[in-house]
Amino acid sequence: MPRFFIALCTAQLAAPAALAQQDYPQKPIRYVVPFPAGGIADVFARIIGGRIAEAWGQPVVVENRAGAGGNIGAEIVAKSAPDGYTLLMGSIGTQAVNASLYRSMPYDPAKDFTPVALVIEAESLLALHPLVAASNPSELIALARAQPGKLTCASAGVGTTSHDLLAGQTSMDFATMPTVLPHVKAGKLKGIAVLGADRLPAAPEFPALAEVLPGFEVNNWIGTFGPAGLPAAIAAKLNAEILALMRTPEVQKRLLTEGARFTPMTPAQFADFVAAEAAKWGKLIREVGIRAD
């Protein structure tokens, strides 16, 4: 009898939680983007938000909370209730780099989040202001060596880097292709190299920086996270919807033209991916001695 009573009580307590997960969502979802509007994280958060709103009948409010390399927005989600109504469009910075880069962090990326889905891996492009007297990586390296301290580089941790570069306030920027490529095609910036290991089939005119600096390879990525303790059923439901969207012909075509790619992952696979990225970049940051503060 006691065992039966305990089992009955447990089932009764678990039933409301299971029902809530099954009926999720029942109210608007807050999707925090820890970067300025217009960047790749913002763009895909709005694409995903639109899909979820249409499919599930609840609004998705994308909220840009930029600053501190993404830490401000990420902290908001880390300290939110794990009910699926506050999500983060995290990045390689917020989830894999910042913990090693900053002396003090307002959250623990390994403990304070539930990985939900990898959204995209985005190729980055080294872009220059048109007045910079270089048209390829070799010329840029030579110019930097000839004029030490003169060239400046925008950083995503400060804010609207592309706007700074377009205005001529900085010399160059390492920006994701979807963010910077329209400006390059319009002749407002010069694209001189991609940061992946090889040239992009969609943009073969840009050499890989590895052609000049062997072994150089950097891939940016973004993905959806919830707070730690997010129920597995909600994470799985979000994951399935995001993967379905990313597989559509329209999104696949857009990824191809913008130098990005999508690799479908379960929440568990995405968690392993994030852990591996954090280990890789943490090791490099410690070896080089890079600090952000």
C-alpha atoms as a PDB file:
ATOM      1  CA  MET A   1       0.000   0.000   0.000  1.00  0.00           C
ATOM      2  CA  PRO A   2       2.677   2.623   0.832  1.00  0.00           C
ATOM      3  CA  ARG A   3       4.447   1.976  -2.463  1.00  0.00           C
ATOM      4  CA  PHE A   4       1.188   2.266  -4.361  1.00  0.00           C
ATOM      5  CA  PHE A   5       0.371   5.499  -2.529  1.00  0.00           C
ATOM      6  CA  ILE A   6       3.803   6.975  -3.340  1.00  0.00           C
ATOM      7  CA  ALA A   7       3.486   5.976  -6.993  1.00  0.00           C
ATOM      8  CA  LEU A   8       0.008   7.493  -7.176  1.00  0.00           C
ATOM      9  CA  CYS A   9       1.165  10.774  -5.660  1.00  0.00           C
ATOM     10  CA  THR A  10       4.159  10.913  -7.997  1.00  0.00           C
ATOM     11  CA  ALA A  11       1.937  10.368 -11.019  1.00  0.00           C
ATOM     12  CA  GLN A  12      -0.453  13.086  -9.878  1.00  0.00           C
ATOM     13  CA  LEU A  13       2.366  15.567  -9.389  1.00  0.00           C
ATOM     14  CA  ALA A  14       3.942  14.721 -12.756  1.00  0.00           C
ATOM     15  CA  ALA A  15       0.672  14.943 -14.702  1.00  0.00           C
ATOM     16  CA  PRO A  16       0.328  18.769 -14.707  1.00  0.00           C
ATOM     17  CA  ALA A  17       3.958  19.196 -15.816  1.00  0.00           C
ATOM     18  CA  ALA A  18       3.554  16.655 -18.619  1.00  0.00           C
ATOM     19  CA  LEU A  19       0.311  18.297 -19.720  1.00  0.00           C
ATOM     20  CA  ALA A  20       1.954  21.734 -19.746  1.00  0.00           C
ATOM     21  CA  GLN A  21       4.762  20.440 -21.947  1.00  0.00           C
ATOM     22  CA  GLN A  22       2.305  18.767 -24.294  1.00  0.00           C
ATOM     23  CA  ASP A  23       0.290  21.985 -24.667  1.00  0.00           C
ATOM     24  CA  TYR A  24       3.367  24.225 -25.006  1.00  0.00           C
ATOM     25  CA  PRO A  25       3.265  27.037 -25.940  1.00  0.00           C
ATOM     26  CA  GLN A  26       0.244  28.650 -24.328  1.00  0.00           C
ATOM     27  CA  LYS A  27       1.528  32.227 -24.315  1.00  0.00           C
ATOM     28  CA  PRO A  28       4.020  34.419 -26.224  1.00  0.00           C
ATOM     29  CA  ILE A  29       7.642  33.309 -26.389  1.00  0.00           C
ATOM     30  CA  ARG A  30      10.486  35.736 -25.718  1.00  0.00           C
ATOM     31  CA  TYR A  31      13.448  35.098 -28.049  1.00  0.00           C
ATOM     32  CA  VAL A  32      16.487  37.042 -26.820  1.00  0.00           C
ATOM     33  CA  VAL A  33      19.149  37.995 -29.352  1.00  0.00           C
ATOM     34  CA  PRO A  34      22.254  39.233 -27.506  1.00  0.00           C
ATOM     35  CA  PHE A  35      23.427  41.285 -30.498  1.00  0.00           C
ATOM     36  CA  PRO A  36      22.208  44.343 -32.424  1.00  0.00           C
ATOM     37  CA  ALA A  37      19.378  44.163 -34.936  1.00  0.00           C
ATOM     38  CA  GLY A  38      20.329  43.302 -38.498  1.00  0.00           C
ATOM     39  CA  GLY A  39      23.029  40.753 -37.754  1.00  0.00           C
ATOM     40  CA  ILE A  40      22.836  37.079 -38.603  1.00  0.00           C
ATOM     41  CA  ALA A  41      21.586  36.055 -35.144  1.00  0.00           C
ATOM     42  CA  ASP A  42      18.805  38.627 -35.353  1.00  0.00           C
ATOM     43  CA  VAL A  43      17.850  37.645 -38.902  1.00  0.00           C
ATOM     44  CA  PHE A  44      17.502  33.948 -38.145  1.00  0.00           C
ATOM     45  CA  ALA A  45      15.789  34.539 -34.820  1.00  0.00           C
ATOM     46  CA  ARG A  46      13.097  36.400 -36.719  1.00  0.00           C
ATOM     47  CA  ILE A  47      12.866  33.679 -39.364  1.00  0.00           C
ATOM     48  CA  ILE A  48      12.504  30.992 -36.705  1.00  0.00           C
ATOM     49  CA  GLY A  49      10.158  33.134 -34.633  1.00  0.00           C
ATOM     50  CA  GLY A  50       7.889  33.644 -37.611  1.00  0.00           C
ATOM     51  CA  ARG A  51       7.787  29.906 -38.285  1.00  0.00           C
ATOM     52  CA  ILE A  52       6.978  29.035 -34.672  1.00  0.00           C
ATOM     53  CA  ALA A  53       4.303  31.719 -34.441  1.00  0.00           C
ATOM     54  CA  GLU A  54       2.642  30.458 -37.606  1.00  0.00           C
ATOM     55  CA  ALA A  55       2.896  26.782 -36.676  1.00  0.00           C
ATOM     56  CA  TRP A  56       1.961  27.028 -33.013  1.00  0.00           C
ATOM     57  CA  GLY A  57      -0.322  30.026 -32.931  1.00  0.00           C
ATOM     58  CA  GLN A  58       1.591  32.023 -30.324  1.00  0.00           C
ATOM     59  CA  PRO A  59       3.593  35.220 -30.930  1.00  0.00           C
ATOM     60  CA  VAL A  60       7.378  35.083 -30.728  1.00  0.00           C
ATOM     61  CA  VAL A  61       8.849  38.404 -29.597  1.00  0.00           C
ATOM     62  CA  VAL A  62      12.455  38.878 -30.695  1.00  0.00           C
ATOM     63  CA  GLU A  63      14.277  41.089 -28.227  1.00  0.00           C
ATOM     64  CA  ASN A  64      17.720  42.523 -29.003  1.00  0.00           C
ATOM     65  CA  ARG A  65      19.786  42.936 -25.822  1.00  0.00           C
ATOM     66  CA  ALA A  66      23.287  43.674 -27.073  1.00  0.00           C
ATOM     67  CA  GLY A  67      26.432  44.393 -25.098  1.00  0.00           C
ATOM     68  CA  ALA A  68      29.490  42.798 -23.491  1.00  0.00           C
ATOM     69  CA  GLY A  69      30.049  40.433 -26.381  1.00  0.00           C
ATOM     70  CA  GLY A  70      26.575  38.993 -25.966  1.00  0.00           C
ATOM     71  CA  ASN A  71      26.845  38.431 -22.213  1.00  0.00           C
ATOM     72  CA  ILE A  72      24.062  40.850 -21.316  1.00  0.00           C
ATOM     73  CA  GLY A  73      21.411  39.079 -23.356  1.00  0.00           C
ATOM     74  CA  ALA A  74      22.682  35.613 -22.476  1.00  0.00           C
ATOM     75  CA  GLU A  75      22.503  36.436 -18.753  1.00  0.00           C
ATOM     76  CA  ILE A  76      18.826  37.327 -19.091  1.00  0.00           C
ATOM     77  CA  VAL A  77      18.029  33.867 -20.430  1.00  0.00           C
ATOM     78  CA  ALA A  78      20.342  32.086 -17.989  1.00  0.00           C
ATOM     79  CA  LYS A  79      18.374  33.587 -15.090  1.00  0.00           C
ATOM     80  CA  SER A  80      14.918  32.974 -16.577  1.00  0.00           C
ATOM     81  CA  ALA A  81      12.454  30.264 -15.670  1.00  0.00           C
ATOM     82  CA  PRO A  82      13.080  27.016 -17.593  1.00  0.00           C
ATOM     83  CA  ASP A  83       9.566  26.856 -19.009  1.00  0.00           C
ATOM     84  CA  GLY A  84      10.282  27.393 -22.712  1.00  0.00           C
ATOM     85  CA  TYR A  85       8.990  30.957 -22.789  1.00  0.00           C
ATOM     86  CA  THR A  86      12.422  32.604 -22.765  1.00  0.00           C
ATOM     87  CA  LEU A  87      14.910  31.433 -25.388  1.00  0.00           C
ATOM     88  CA  LEU A  88      18.345  32.604 -26.479  1.00  0.00           C
ATOM     89  CA  MET A  89      19.872  32.834 -29.921  1.00  0.00           C
ATOM     90  CA  GLY A  90      23.327  32.053 -28.569  1.00  0.00           C
ATOM     91  CA  SER A  91      26.560  32.115 -30.495  1.00  0.00           C
ATOM     92  CA  ILE A  92      30.093  30.802 -30.513  1.00  0.00           C
ATOM     93  CA  GLY A  93      30.890  33.870 -28.413  1.00  0.00           C
ATOM     94  CA  THR A  94      28.252  33.619 -25.712  1.00  0.00           C
ATOM     95  CA  GLN A  95      28.459  29.842 -25.365  1.00  0.00           C
ATOM     96  CA  ALA A  96      32.045  28.848 -26.237  1.00  0.00           C
ATOM     97  CA  VAL A  97      34.440  31.801 -26.168  1.00  0.00           C
ATOM     98  CA  ASN A  98      33.430  34.413 -23.601  1.00  0.00           C
ATOM     99  CA  ALA A  99      33.915  32.205 -20.551  1.00  0.00           C
ATOM    100  CA  SER A 100      37.630  32.033 -21.340  1.00  0.00           C
ATOM    101  CA  LEU A 101      37.876  35.601 -22.624  1.00  0.00           C
ATOM    102  CA  TYR A 102      36.328  37.537 -19.742  1.00  0.00           C
ATOM    103  CA  ARG A 103      37.726  37.527 -16.197  1.00  0.00           C
ATOM    104  CA  SER A 104      34.238  37.701 -14.724  1.00  0.00           C
ATOM    105  CA  MET A 105      31.151  36.124 -16.247  1.00  0.00           C
ATOM    106  CA  PRO A 106      27.524  36.709 -15.186  1.00  0.00           C
ATOM    107  CA  TYR A 107      26.630  33.119 -16.117  1.00  0.00           C
ATOM    108  CA  ASP A 108      28.196  29.712 -16.668  1.00  0.00           C
ATOM    109  CA  PRO A 109      27.632  28.676 -20.306  1.00  0.00           C
ATOM    110  CA  ALA A 110      28.175  25.013 -19.455  1.00  0.00           C
ATOM    111  CA  LYS A 111      25.724  24.887 -16.536  1.00  0.00           C
ATOM    112  CA  ASP A 112      23.149  27.634 -17.031  1.00  0.00           C
ATOM    113  CA  PHE A 113      21.682  26.638 -20.403  1.00  0.00           C
ATOM    114  CA  THR A 114      19.927  23.802 -22.190  1.00  0.00           C
ATOM    115  CA  PRO A 115      21.145  23.436 -25.794  1.00  0.00           C
ATOM    116  CA  VAL A 116      18.155  23.088 -28.120  1.00  0.00           C
ATOM    117  CA  ALA A 117      19.293  23.279 -31.750  1.00  0.00           C
ATOM    118  CA  LEU A 118      22.205  24.369 -33.873  1.00  0.00           C
ATOM    119  CA  VAL A 119      20.785  26.878 -36.338  1.00  0.00           C
ATOM    120  CA  ILE A 120      23.624  27.603 -38.752  1.00  0.00           C
ATOM    121  CA  GLU A 121      27.353  27.678 -39.158  1.00  0.00           C
ATOM    122  CA  ALA A 122      28.111  30.900 -40.979  1.00  0.00           C
ATOM    123  CA  GLU A 123      31.172  31.637 -43.042  1.00  0.00           C
ATOM    124  CA  SER A 124      32.807  34.937 -42.157  1.00  0.00           C
ATOM    125  CA  LEU A 125      34.379  37.411 -44.537  1.00  0.00           C
ATOM    126  CA  LEU A 126      37.248  39.796 -43.926  1.00  0.00           C
ATOM    127  CA  ALA A 127      35.925  43.087 -45.300  1.00  0.00           C
ATOM    128  CA  LEU A 128      37.780  46.380 -45.714  1.00  0.00           C
ATOM    129  CA  HIS A 129      36.696  49.947 -46.087  1.00  0.00           C
ATOM    130  CA  PRO A 130      37.238  51.001 -49.736  1.00  0.00           C
ATOM    131  CA  LEU A 131      39.917  53.521 -48.749  1.00  0.00           C
ATOM    132  CA  VAL A 132      42.192  50.817 -47.310  1.00  0.00           C
ATOM    133  CA  ALA A 133      44.943  50.300 -49.897  1.00  0.00           C
ATOM    134  CA  ALA A 134      44.752  46.514 -50.114  1.00  0.00           C
ATOM    135  CA  SER A 135      42.781  44.154 -52.319  1.00  0.00           C
ATOM    136  CA  ASN A 136      43.912  40.740 -51.086  1.00  0.00           C
ATOM    137  CA  PRO A 137      45.206  39.149 -47.861  1.00  0.00           C
ATOM    138  CA  SER A 138      48.878  39.441 -48.814  1.00  0.00           C
ATOM    139  CA  GLU A 139      48.556  43.164 -49.516  1.00  0.00           C
ATOM    140  CA  LEU A 140      46.704  43.716 -46.251  1.00  0.00           C
ATOM    141  CA  ILE A 141      49.402  41.912 -44.256  1.00  0.00           C
ATOM    142  CA  ALA A 142      52.093  43.943 -45.998  1.00  0.00           C
ATOM    143  CA  LEU A 143      50.224  47.189 -45.322  1.00  0.00           C
ATOM    144  CA  ALA A 144      49.798  46.338 -41.645  1.00  0.00           C
ATOM    145  CA  ARG A 145      53.494  45.600 -41.304  1.00  0.00           C
ATOM    146  CA  ALA A 146      54.484  48.794 -43.114  1.00  0.00           C
ATOM    147  CA  GLN A 147      52.156  50.954 -41.015  1.00  0.00           C
ATOM    148  CA  PRO A 148      51.996  49.381 -37.556  1.00  0.00           C
ATOM    149  CA  GLY A 149      49.147  50.639 -35.402  1.00  0.00           C
ATOM    150  CA  LYS A 150      47.383  52.496 -38.206  1.00  0.00           C
ATOM    151  CA  LEU A 151      44.765  49.916 -39.227  1.00  0.00           C
ATOM    152  CA  THR A 152      41.787  49.361 -36.953  1.00  0.00           C
ATOM    153  CA  CYS A 153      39.361  46.455 -36.720  1.00  0.00           C
ATOM    154  CA  ALA A 154      35.735  46.521 -35.593  1.00  0.00           C
ATOM    155  CA  SER A 155      34.615  44.137 -32.866  1.00  0.00           C
ATOM    156  CA  ALA A 156      31.136  42.659 -32.408  1.00  0.00           C
ATOM    157  CA  GLY A 157      31.479  43.243 -28.679  1.00  0.00           C
ATOM    158  CA  VAL A 158      31.196  46.992 -29.123  1.00  0.00           C
ATOM    159  CA  GLY A 159      27.999  47.202 -31.142  1.00  0.00           C
ATOM    160  CA  THR A 160      27.084  47.963 -34.726  1.00  0.00           C
ATOM    161  CA  THR A 161      30.382  47.016 -36.330  1.00  0.00           C
ATOM    162  CA  SER A 162      29.225  47.063 -39.943  1.00  0.00           C
ATOM    163  CA  HIS A 163      27.896  50.605 -39.548  1.00  0.00           C
ATOM    164  CA  ASP A 164      31.225  51.699 -38.039  1.00  0.00           C
ATOM    165  CA  LEU A 165      33.064  50.175 -41.005  1.00  0.00           C
ATOM    166  CA  LEU A 166      30.739  51.662 -43.629  1.00  0.00           C
ATOM    167  CA  ALA A 167      31.260  55.086 -42.091  1.00  0.00           C
ATOM    168  CA  GLY A 168      35.025  54.710 -42.316  1.00  0.00           C
ATOM    169  CA  GLN A 169      35.531  54.794 -38.566  1.00  0.00           C
ATOM    170  CA  THR A 170      37.367  51.455 -38.768  1.00  0.00           C
ATOM    171  CA  SER A 171      39.544  49.837 -41.420  1.00  0.00           C
ATOM    172  CA  MET A 172      38.204  46.295 -41.418  1.00  0.00           C
ATOM    173  CA  ASP A 173      35.766  43.847 -39.929  1.00  0.00           C
ATOM    174  CA  PHE A 174      35.513  40.063 -39.654  1.00  0.00           C
ATOM    175  CA  ALA A 175      31.764  39.709 -40.243  1.00  0.00           C
ATOM    176  CA  THR A 176      29.427  36.875 -41.132  1.00  0.00           C
ATOM    177  CA  MET A 177      28.653  36.639 -44.835  1.00  0.00           C
ATOM    178  CA  PRO A 178      24.902  37.378 -44.567  1.00  0.00           C
ATOM    179  CA  THR A 179      25.712  40.556 -42.657  1.00  0.00           C
ATOM    180  CA  VAL A 180      28.455  41.964 -44.845  1.00  0.00           C
ATOM    181  CA  LEU A 181      27.996  40.465 -48.329  1.00  0.00           C
ATOM    182  CA  PRO A 182      25.217  42.873 -49.430  1.00  0.00           C
ATOM    183  CA  HIS A 183      27.541  45.806 -48.693  1.00  0.00           C
ATOM    184  CA  VAL A 184      30.346  44.167 -50.661  1.00  0.00           C
ATOM    185  CA  LYS A 185      28.064  43.548 -53.651  1.00  0.00           C
ATOM    186  CA  ALA A 186      26.938  47.171 -53.480  1.00  0.00           C
ATOM    187  CA  GLY A 187      30.558  48.343 -53.650  1.00  0.00           C
ATOM    188  CA  LYS A 188      30.460  49.943 -50.206  1.00  0.00           C
ATOM    189  CA  LEU A 189      33.029  47.500 -48.785  1.00  0.00           C
ATOM    190  CA  LYS A 190      35.796  45.284 -50.137  1.00  0.00           C
ATOM    191  CA  GLY A 191      35.698  41.573 -49.360  1.00  0.00           C
ATOM    192  CA  ILE A 192      39.147  40.018 -49.502  1.00  0.00           C
ATOM    193  CA  ALA A 193      39.065  36.624 -47.757  1.00  0.00           C
ATOM    194  CA  VAL A 194      36.800  34.041 -46.125  1.00  0.00           C
ATOM    195  CA  LEU A 195      37.830  32.580 -42.792  1.00  0.00           C
ATOM    196  CA  GLY A 196      36.974  28.934 -43.448  1.00  0.00           C
ATOM    197  CA  ALA A 197      39.482  26.357 -44.655  1.00  0.00           C
ATOM    198  CA  ASP A 198      38.372  26.580 -48.297  1.00  0.00           C
ATOM    199  CA  ARG A 199      36.761  28.938 -50.760  1.00  0.00           C
ATOM    200  CA  LEU A 200      32.993  29.036 -50.844  1.00  0.00           C
ATOM    201  CA  PRO A 201      31.302  27.503 -53.911  1.00  0.00           C
ATOM    202  CA  ALA A 202      28.749  30.318 -53.732  1.00  0.00           C
ATOM    203  CA  ALA A 203      31.460  33.014 -53.660  1.00  0.00           C
ATOM    204  CA  PRO A 204      34.672  31.567 -55.164  1.00  0.00           C
ATOM    205  CA  GLU A 205      36.025  35.044 -55.860  1.00  0.00           C
ATOM    206  CA  PHE A 206      37.037  35.350 -52.218  1.00  0.00           C
ATOM    207  CA  PRO A 207      40.193  33.392 -51.342  1.00  0.00           C
ATOM    208  CA  ALA A 208      40.412  31.527 -48.048  1.00  0.00           C
ATOM    209  CA  LEU A 209      42.690  33.241 -45.550  1.00  0.00           C
ATOM    210  CA  ALA A 210      44.262  29.808 -45.083  1.00  0.00           C
ATOM    211  CA  GLU A 211      45.785  30.180 -48.554  1.00  0.00           C
ATOM    212  CA  VAL A 212      48.075  32.826 -47.063  1.00  0.00           C
ATOM    213  CA  LEU A 213      48.047  31.686 -43.438  1.00  0.00           C
ATOM    214  CA  PRO A 214      48.066  27.846 -43.530  1.00  0.00           C
ATOM    215  CA  GLY A 215      45.965  26.234 -40.818  1.00  0.00           C
ATOM    216  CA  PHE A 216      43.789  29.304 -40.257  1.00  0.00           C
ATOM    217  CA  GLU A 217      40.121  28.330 -39.913  1.00  0.00           C
ATOM    218  CA  VAL A 218      37.272  30.004 -38.035  1.00  0.00           C
ATOM    219  CA  ASN A 219      33.600  29.133 -38.387  1.00  0.00           C
ATOM    220  CA  ASN A 220      30.985  31.254 -36.680  1.00  0.00           C
ATOM    221  CA  TRP A 221      27.780  29.592 -35.481  1.00  0.00           C
ATOM    222  CA  ILE A 222      24.532  30.387 -33.770  1.00  0.00           C
ATOM    223  CA  GLY A 223      22.013  28.170 -32.028  1.00  0.00           C
ATOM    224  CA  THR A 224      18.949  28.175 -29.830  1.00  0.00           C
ATOM    225  CA  PHE A 225      19.249  27.652 -26.075  1.00  0.00           C
ATOM    226  CA  GLY A 226      16.890  27.630 -23.131  1.00  0.00           C
ATOM    227  CA  PRO A 227      17.731  28.056 -19.454  1.00  0.00           C
ATOM    228  CA  ALA A 228      19.147  25.086 -17.552  1.00  0.00           C
ATOM    229  CA  GLY A 229      16.423  22.661 -16.578  1.00  0.00           C
ATOM    230  CA  LEU A 230      14.336  23.157 -19.710  1.00  0.00           C
ATOM    231  CA  PRO A 231      12.112  20.047 -19.953  1.00  0.00           C
ATOM    232  CA  ALA A 232      13.349  17.557 -22.548  1.00  0.00           C
ATOM    233  CA  ALA A 233       9.929  17.426 -24.199  1.00  0.00           C
ATOM    234  CA  ILE A 234       9.942  21.184 -24.826  1.00  0.00           C
ATOM    235  CA  ALA A 235      13.526  21.128 -26.086  1.00  0.00           C
ATOM    236  CA  ALA A 236      12.625  18.276 -28.451  1.00  0.00           C
ATOM    237  CA  LYS A 237       9.541  20.101 -29.742  1.00  0.00           C
ATOM    238  CA  LEU A 238      11.523  23.276 -30.418  1.00  0.00           C
ATOM    239  CA  ASN A 239      14.327  21.273 -32.013  1.00  0.00           C
ATOM    240  CA  ALA A 240      11.939  19.497 -34.388  1.00  0.00           C
ATOM    241  CA  GLU A 241      10.316  22.749 -35.495  1.00  0.00           C
ATOM    242  CA  ILE A 242      13.651  24.489 -36.078  1.00  0.00           C
ATOM    243  CA  LEU A 243      15.031  21.543 -38.043  1.00  0.00           C
ATOM    244  CA  ALA A 244      11.890  21.380 -40.177  1.00  0.00           C
ATOM    245  CA  LEU A 245      12.242  25.082 -41.000  1.00  0.00           C
ATOM    246  CA  MET A 246      15.944  24.866 -41.796  1.00  0.00           C
ATOM    247  CA  ARG A 247      15.297  21.991 -44.219  1.00  0.00           C
ATOM    248  CA  THR A 248      12.797  23.932 -46.335  1.00  0.00           C
ATOM    249  CA  PRO A 249      13.928  24.745 -49.903  1.00  0.00           C
ATOM    250  CA  GLU A 250      13.578  28.478 -49.261  1.00  0.00           C
ATOM    251  CA  VAL A 251      15.937  28.458 -46.273  1.00  0.00           C
ATOM    252  CA  GLN A 252      18.362  26.038 -47.928  1.00  0.00           C
ATOM    253  CA  LYS A 253      18.596  28.326 -50.949  1.00  0.00           C
ATOM    254  CA  ARG A 254      19.216  31.315 -48.724  1.00  0.00           C
ATOM    255  CA  LEU A 255      21.968  29.516 -46.813  1.00  0.00           C
ATOM    256  CA  LEU A 256      23.725  28.603 -50.057  1.00  0.00           C
ATOM    257  CA  THR A 257      23.718  32.135 -51.385  1.00  0.00           C
ATOM    258  CA  GLU A 258      24.806  33.647 -48.090  1.00  0.00           C
ATOM    259  CA  GLY A 259      27.716  31.359 -47.293  1.00  0.00           C
ATOM    260  CA  ALA A 260      26.119  29.479 -44.415  1.00  0.00           C
ATOM    261  CA  ARG A 261      25.330  25.831 -43.788  1.00  0.00           C
ATOM    262  CA  PHE A 262      22.970  23.828 -41.637  1.00  0.00           C
ATOM    263  CA  THR A 263      23.842  20.597 -39.843  1.00  0.00           C
ATOM    264  CA  PRO A 264      20.846  18.910 -38.193  1.00  0.00           C
ATOM    265  CA  MET A 265      21.525  17.938 -34.582  1.00  0.00           C
ATOM    266  CA  THR A 266      19.458  16.619 -31.691  1.00  0.00           C
ATOM    267  CA  PRO A 267      19.655  18.611 -28.442  1.00  0.00           C
ATOM    268  CA  ALA A 268      22.152  16.038 -27.108  1.00  0.00           C
ATOM    269  CA  GLN A 269      24.321  16.272 -30.227  1.00  0.00           C
ATOM    270  CA  PHE A 270      24.213  20.051 -30.068  1.00  0.00           C
ATOM    271  CA  ALA A 271      25.297  19.935 -26.414  1.00  0.00           C
ATOM    272  CA  ASP A 272      28.321  17.829 -27.398  1.00  0.00           C
ATOM    273  CA  PHE A 273      29.115  20.242 -30.228  1.00  0.00           C
ATOM    274  CA  VAL A 274      29.033  23.257 -27.889  1.00  0.00           C
ATOM    275  CA  ALA A 275      31.237  21.498 -25.327  1.00  0.00           C
ATOM    276  CA  ALA A 276      33.811  20.662 -28.002  1.00  0.00           C
ATOM    277  CA  GLU A 277      33.812  24.255 -29.271  1.00  0.00           C
ATOM    278  CA  ALA A 278      34.274  25.613 -25.750  1.00  0.00           C
ATOM    279  CA  ALA A 279      37.207  23.268 -25.156  1.00  0.00           C
ATOM    280  CA  LYS A 280      38.855  24.192 -28.473  1.00  0.00           C
ATOM    281  CA  TRP A 281      38.568  27.942 -28.131  1.00  0.00           C
ATOM    282  CA  GLY A 282      39.273  27.939 -24.410  1.00  0.00           C
ATOM    283  CA  LYS A 283      42.561  26.165 -25.018  1.00  0.00           C
ATOM    284  CA  LEU A 284      43.568  28.632 -27.741  1.00  0.00           C
ATOM    285  CA  ILE A 285      42.619  31.685 -25.672  1.00  0.00           C
ATOM    286  CA  ARG A 286      44.615  30.449 -22.678  1.00  0.00           C
ATOM    287  CA  GLU A 287      47.660  29.620 -24.804  1.00  0.00           C
ATOM    288  CA  VAL A 288      47.704  33.011 -26.510  1.00  0.00           C
ATOM    289  CA  GLY A 289      46.751  34.903 -23.370  1.00  0.00           C
ATOM    290  CA  ILE A 290      43.860  36.855 -24.849  1.00  0.00           C
ATOM    291  CA  ARG A 291      41.677  38.852 -22.447  1.00  0.00           C
ATOM    292  CA  ALA A 292      38.652  41.049 -23.125  1.00  0.00           C
ATOM    293  CA  ASP A 293      38.920  43.056 -19.895  1.00  0.00           C
END
